[in-house]
Protein backbone atom coordinates (compact mmCIF):
# COMPACT_ATOMS: atom_id res chain seq x y z
CA MET A 1 42.45 -41.38 -27.71
CA SER A 2 43.23 -42.36 -31.29
CA ALA A 3 46.88 -42.62 -32.29
CA VAL A 4 49.20 -44.06 -34.94
CA VAL A 5 50.99 -47.09 -33.45
CA LEU A 6 53.87 -48.88 -35.16
CA VAL A 7 54.09 -52.56 -34.11
CA VAL A 8 57.46 -54.20 -34.79
CA GLU A 9 57.11 -57.93 -34.14
CA ASP A 10 58.35 -60.90 -36.18
CA GLU A 11 55.79 -63.43 -34.88
CA LEU A 12 52.93 -63.16 -37.38
CA LYS A 13 50.19 -64.45 -35.07
CA LEU A 14 51.18 -62.07 -32.27
CA ARG A 15 51.56 -59.17 -34.70
CA ASP A 16 48.07 -59.72 -36.08
CA LEU A 17 46.63 -60.15 -32.59
CA LEU A 18 48.14 -56.86 -31.41
CA ARG A 19 46.87 -55.11 -34.52
CA SER A 20 43.37 -56.41 -33.85
CA TYR A 21 43.34 -55.26 -30.21
CA LEU A 22 44.81 -51.84 -30.97
CA GLU A 23 42.49 -51.20 -33.90
CA ARG A 24 39.55 -52.16 -31.69
CA GLU A 25 40.58 -49.23 -29.46
CA GLY A 26 40.47 -46.88 -32.46
CA HIS A 27 44.19 -46.70 -33.20
CA GLN A 28 45.72 -46.72 -36.68
CA VAL A 29 48.22 -49.59 -36.70
CA LEU A 30 51.32 -49.98 -38.89
CA THR A 31 53.21 -53.29 -38.72
CA THR A 32 56.53 -54.78 -39.77
CA ALA A 33 58.66 -57.80 -38.88
CA SER A 34 61.91 -56.04 -39.80
CA GLY A 35 64.01 -53.83 -37.57
CA ALA A 36 65.57 -52.08 -40.55
CA GLU A 37 62.15 -51.36 -42.04
CA ALA A 38 60.90 -50.17 -38.65
CA ILE A 39 63.58 -47.47 -38.54
CA GLY A 40 62.49 -46.16 -41.94
CA MET A 41 58.79 -46.29 -40.99
CA ALA A 42 59.43 -44.45 -37.73
CA ARG A 43 61.07 -41.69 -39.74
CA SER A 44 58.56 -41.47 -42.61
CA ALA A 45 55.27 -42.20 -40.80
CA ALA A 46 56.07 -40.35 -37.54
CA PRO A 47 53.96 -42.68 -35.35
CA ASP A 48 52.69 -41.60 -31.94
CA LEU A 49 54.10 -44.76 -30.32
CA VAL A 50 56.28 -47.74 -31.26
CA VAL A 51 55.72 -51.25 -29.88
CA LEU A 52 59.08 -52.92 -30.41
CA ASP A 53 60.11 -56.56 -29.98
CA LEU A 54 63.66 -57.08 -28.74
CA ARG A 55 64.35 -60.20 -30.79
CA LEU A 56 64.06 -59.40 -34.49
CA PRO A 57 65.51 -61.42 -37.38
CA ASP A 58 67.67 -58.64 -38.81
CA VAL A 59 68.41 -55.80 -36.39
CA PRO A 60 68.25 -56.24 -32.58
CA GLY A 61 65.50 -54.26 -30.90
CA GLU A 62 68.00 -52.33 -28.77
CA GLU A 63 69.73 -51.10 -31.93
CA VAL A 64 66.40 -50.14 -33.51
CA ALA A 65 65.58 -48.10 -30.39
CA ARG A 66 68.94 -46.32 -30.51
CA GLU A 67 68.55 -45.53 -34.22
CA VAL A 68 65.03 -44.16 -33.70
CA ARG A 69 66.15 -42.13 -30.70
CA ALA A 70 68.72 -40.39 -32.92
CA PHE A 71 65.93 -38.56 -34.78
CA SER A 72 62.73 -38.92 -32.71
CA ASP A 73 61.44 -38.79 -29.14
CA VAL A 74 58.48 -41.05 -29.98
CA PRO A 75 57.49 -43.25 -27.00
CA ILE A 76 58.82 -46.82 -27.31
CA LEU A 77 57.17 -49.77 -25.55
CA MET A 78 59.57 -52.70 -25.71
CA LEU A 79 58.48 -56.35 -25.80
CA THR A 80 60.94 -58.89 -24.49
CA ALA A 81 61.08 -62.60 -23.77
CA LYS A 82 64.18 -61.93 -21.70
CA THR A 83 63.43 -61.77 -18.00
CA ALA A 84 66.90 -60.87 -16.70
CA GLU A 85 67.02 -57.39 -15.19
CA GLU A 86 70.19 -56.54 -17.15
CA ASP A 87 68.32 -57.15 -20.42
CA ARG A 88 65.49 -54.86 -19.42
CA ILE A 89 67.92 -52.17 -18.32
CA ARG A 90 69.79 -52.39 -21.64
CA GLY A 91 66.49 -51.85 -23.42
CA LEU A 92 65.67 -48.82 -21.29
CA GLU A 93 69.15 -47.39 -21.76
CA ALA A 94 68.72 -47.79 -25.53
CA GLY A 95 65.77 -45.41 -25.32
CA ALA A 96 62.67 -47.46 -24.45
CA ASP A 97 60.09 -45.78 -22.20
CA ASP A 98 58.38 -48.92 -20.96
CA TYR A 99 58.69 -52.68 -21.35
CA LEU A 100 56.47 -55.73 -21.21
CA THR A 101 57.77 -59.24 -20.67
CA LYS A 102 56.40 -62.12 -22.74
CA PRO A 103 54.05 -63.86 -22.31
CA PHE A 104 51.58 -61.04 -21.72
CA SER A 105 47.90 -60.44 -22.33
CA PRO A 106 47.03 -58.22 -25.32
CA ARG A 107 44.69 -56.32 -23.03
CA GLU A 108 47.58 -55.43 -20.73
CA LEU A 109 49.55 -54.15 -23.72
CA VAL A 110 46.59 -51.97 -24.77
CA LEU A 111 46.45 -50.52 -21.24
CA ARG A 112 50.18 -49.81 -21.31
CA VAL A 113 49.85 -48.13 -24.72
CA GLN A 114 47.03 -45.94 -23.44
CA ALA A 115 49.00 -45.00 -20.33
CA VAL A 116 52.08 -43.98 -22.35
CA LEU A 117 49.98 -41.92 -24.79
CA ARG A 118 48.12 -40.29 -21.89
CA ARG A 119 51.38 -39.23 -20.24
CA GLY A 120 52.63 -37.63 -23.43
CA ARG A 121 49.41 -35.71 -24.01
CA ALA A 122 49.06 -34.63 -20.39
CA ALA A 123 52.40 -32.87 -20.82
CA ALA A 124 50.67 -30.40 -23.12
CA ALA A 125 48.80 -28.69 -20.26
CA VAL A 126 49.07 -24.90 -20.52
CA GLN A 127 51.53 -23.40 -18.05
CA ALA A 128 54.00 -20.54 -18.09
CA PRO A 129 57.66 -21.57 -18.58
CA SER A 130 59.48 -22.28 -15.32
CA SER A 131 63.09 -21.19 -14.84
CA PHE A 132 65.63 -22.72 -12.45
CA GLY A 133 69.21 -21.93 -11.41
CA GLY A 134 69.32 -18.44 -12.89
CA GLY A 135 68.02 -19.68 -16.23
CA GLU A 136 70.27 -22.73 -16.45
CA LEU A 137 67.17 -24.89 -16.82
CA VAL A 138 63.91 -23.68 -18.39
CA ILE A 139 60.86 -25.95 -18.68
CA ASP A 140 58.00 -24.86 -20.93
CA GLU A 141 55.19 -27.32 -20.24
CA ASP A 142 52.84 -25.62 -22.71
CA ARG A 143 55.19 -26.27 -25.63
CA ARG A 144 56.79 -29.34 -24.03
CA GLN A 145 60.22 -27.80 -24.40
CA VAL A 146 63.31 -27.95 -22.19
CA THR A 147 66.21 -25.53 -22.51
CA VAL A 148 69.50 -26.18 -20.69
CA ARG A 149 72.17 -23.46 -20.68
CA GLY A 150 70.44 -21.81 -23.60
CA GLN A 151 70.21 -24.95 -25.76
CA GLY A 152 67.05 -26.90 -26.56
CA VAL A 153 67.04 -30.53 -25.41
CA GLU A 154 64.89 -33.35 -26.81
CA LEU A 155 63.54 -35.66 -24.10
CA THR A 156 61.62 -38.91 -24.32
CA PRO A 157 58.21 -38.93 -22.58
CA THR A 158 59.66 -40.80 -19.61
CA GLU A 159 62.62 -38.42 -19.27
CA TRP A 160 60.21 -35.49 -19.54
CA GLY A 161 58.00 -37.02 -16.84
CA LEU A 162 60.92 -37.53 -14.46
CA LEU A 163 62.27 -34.00 -14.92
CA THR A 164 58.90 -32.27 -14.56
CA ALA A 165 58.04 -34.38 -11.51
CA LEU A 166 61.25 -33.30 -9.79
CA ALA A 167 60.69 -29.68 -10.90
CA ARG A 168 57.30 -29.52 -9.16
CA SER A 169 59.11 -29.12 -5.82
CA PRO A 170 62.80 -28.21 -6.32
CA GLY A 171 64.98 -29.54 -3.51
CA ARG A 172 62.43 -32.08 -2.36
CA VAL A 173 63.69 -35.68 -2.36
CA TYR A 174 61.52 -38.07 -4.39
CA SER A 175 61.92 -41.79 -3.78
CA ARG A 176 62.08 -44.10 -6.78
CA TYR A 177 58.67 -45.44 -5.80
CA GLU A 178 57.18 -41.93 -5.88
CA LEU A 179 58.71 -41.24 -9.26
CA VAL A 180 57.32 -44.49 -10.66
CA ASN A 181 53.81 -43.52 -9.61
CA ARG A 182 54.09 -39.93 -10.79
CA VAL A 183 55.57 -40.84 -14.18
CA ARG A 184 53.77 -44.13 -14.82
CA GLY A 185 50.50 -43.57 -13.06
CA TYR A 186 50.18 -47.28 -12.25
CA GLU A 187 51.98 -50.02 -10.39
CA PHE A 188 54.86 -51.44 -12.40
CA GLU A 189 56.62 -54.39 -10.78
CA GLY A 190 60.38 -54.07 -10.98
CA TYR A 191 60.33 -50.57 -12.43
CA GLU A 192 61.76 -48.89 -9.35
CA ARG A 193 65.13 -50.49 -10.05
CA THR A 194 65.15 -49.19 -13.63
CA VAL A 195 64.42 -45.54 -12.76
CA ASP A 196 68.20 -45.19 -12.51
CA SER A 197 68.55 -46.11 -16.20
CA HIS A 198 66.20 -43.31 -17.25
CA VAL A 199 67.95 -40.85 -14.95
CA LYS A 200 71.26 -41.85 -16.52
CA ASN A 201 69.86 -41.11 -20.00
CA LEU A 202 68.39 -37.82 -18.80
CA ARG A 203 71.68 -36.71 -17.27
CA ARG A 204 73.51 -37.35 -20.54
CA LYS A 205 71.28 -34.73 -22.11
CA ILE A 206 71.11 -32.04 -19.42
CA GLU A 207 74.22 -32.22 -17.20
CA ALA A 208 77.44 -30.41 -18.05
CA ASP A 209 79.34 -33.12 -16.14
CA THR A 210 77.50 -36.42 -15.63
CA ARG A 211 80.04 -37.46 -13.00
CA HIS A 212 79.06 -34.46 -10.87
CA PRO A 213 75.40 -33.74 -11.69
CA ARG A 214 73.92 -30.42 -10.56
CA ILE A 215 70.41 -30.63 -11.97
CA VAL A 216 69.22 -34.15 -11.10
CA VAL A 217 70.97 -34.97 -7.84
CA THR A 218 71.13 -38.41 -6.22
CA VAL A 219 70.29 -38.58 -2.53
CA LEU A 220 71.85 -41.73 -1.08
CA GLY A 221 69.23 -43.95 0.47
CA GLY A 222 66.51 -41.52 -0.58
CA GLY A 223 66.12 -41.10 -4.33
CA TYR A 224 66.50 -37.97 -6.43
CA ARG A 225 65.91 -34.22 -6.18
CA LEU A 226 66.18 -31.22 -8.47
CA GLY A 227 69.40 -29.51 -7.47
CA LEU A 228 68.52 -26.07 -8.89
CA ALA A 229 66.32 -23.51 -7.11
CA ARG A 230 63.31 -22.03 -8.88
CA ASP A 231 63.95 -18.50 -10.16
CA GLY A 232 61.77 -15.66 -8.95
């Protein structure tokens, strides 16, 4: 599963180590220590995945993620030395799909990279478009496209995974734990509590009124469900 991976990390030894491990897996690796340069590289090189350190010397990683999200839905794996849950949530809300807390093993990072790339490519499975709520929501899994009220919507791989998981069985309540396993495909300690951050980002893109969501509905004490019925 070869891919172009952009590594944004200001620690030279770690940057070189990650390059070595990723190249060993057959990936093409681009590197930079600068957040500003990373934004330009993400635009010009169109990588398949970005590995992004939170603490950069010029532009904070959260800001880099927001800037990249403005023009691309490329998966972002965030590296952070911050262990506080609020810091991780801020990173996810800025547009990251996954995070890894330092110190970590390079092998674990490679496995995370492979899992994120696998999720994005699995979304390309051929299926007929599915329509919900009288055409309010249309999901075309073949083209990996989502249309809401007639307008195309760009989703990150994690947002796409959450929406399509819920759309498999409209009306069914999925716990956060179930969504973690369906979207991630592996155990991810602490991730259950950050599902809400991704849902919040998703709602900004697809709900007419985020204060009263109709598409992704919260079930108190349960989790989430798709609030629209399947057409036909």
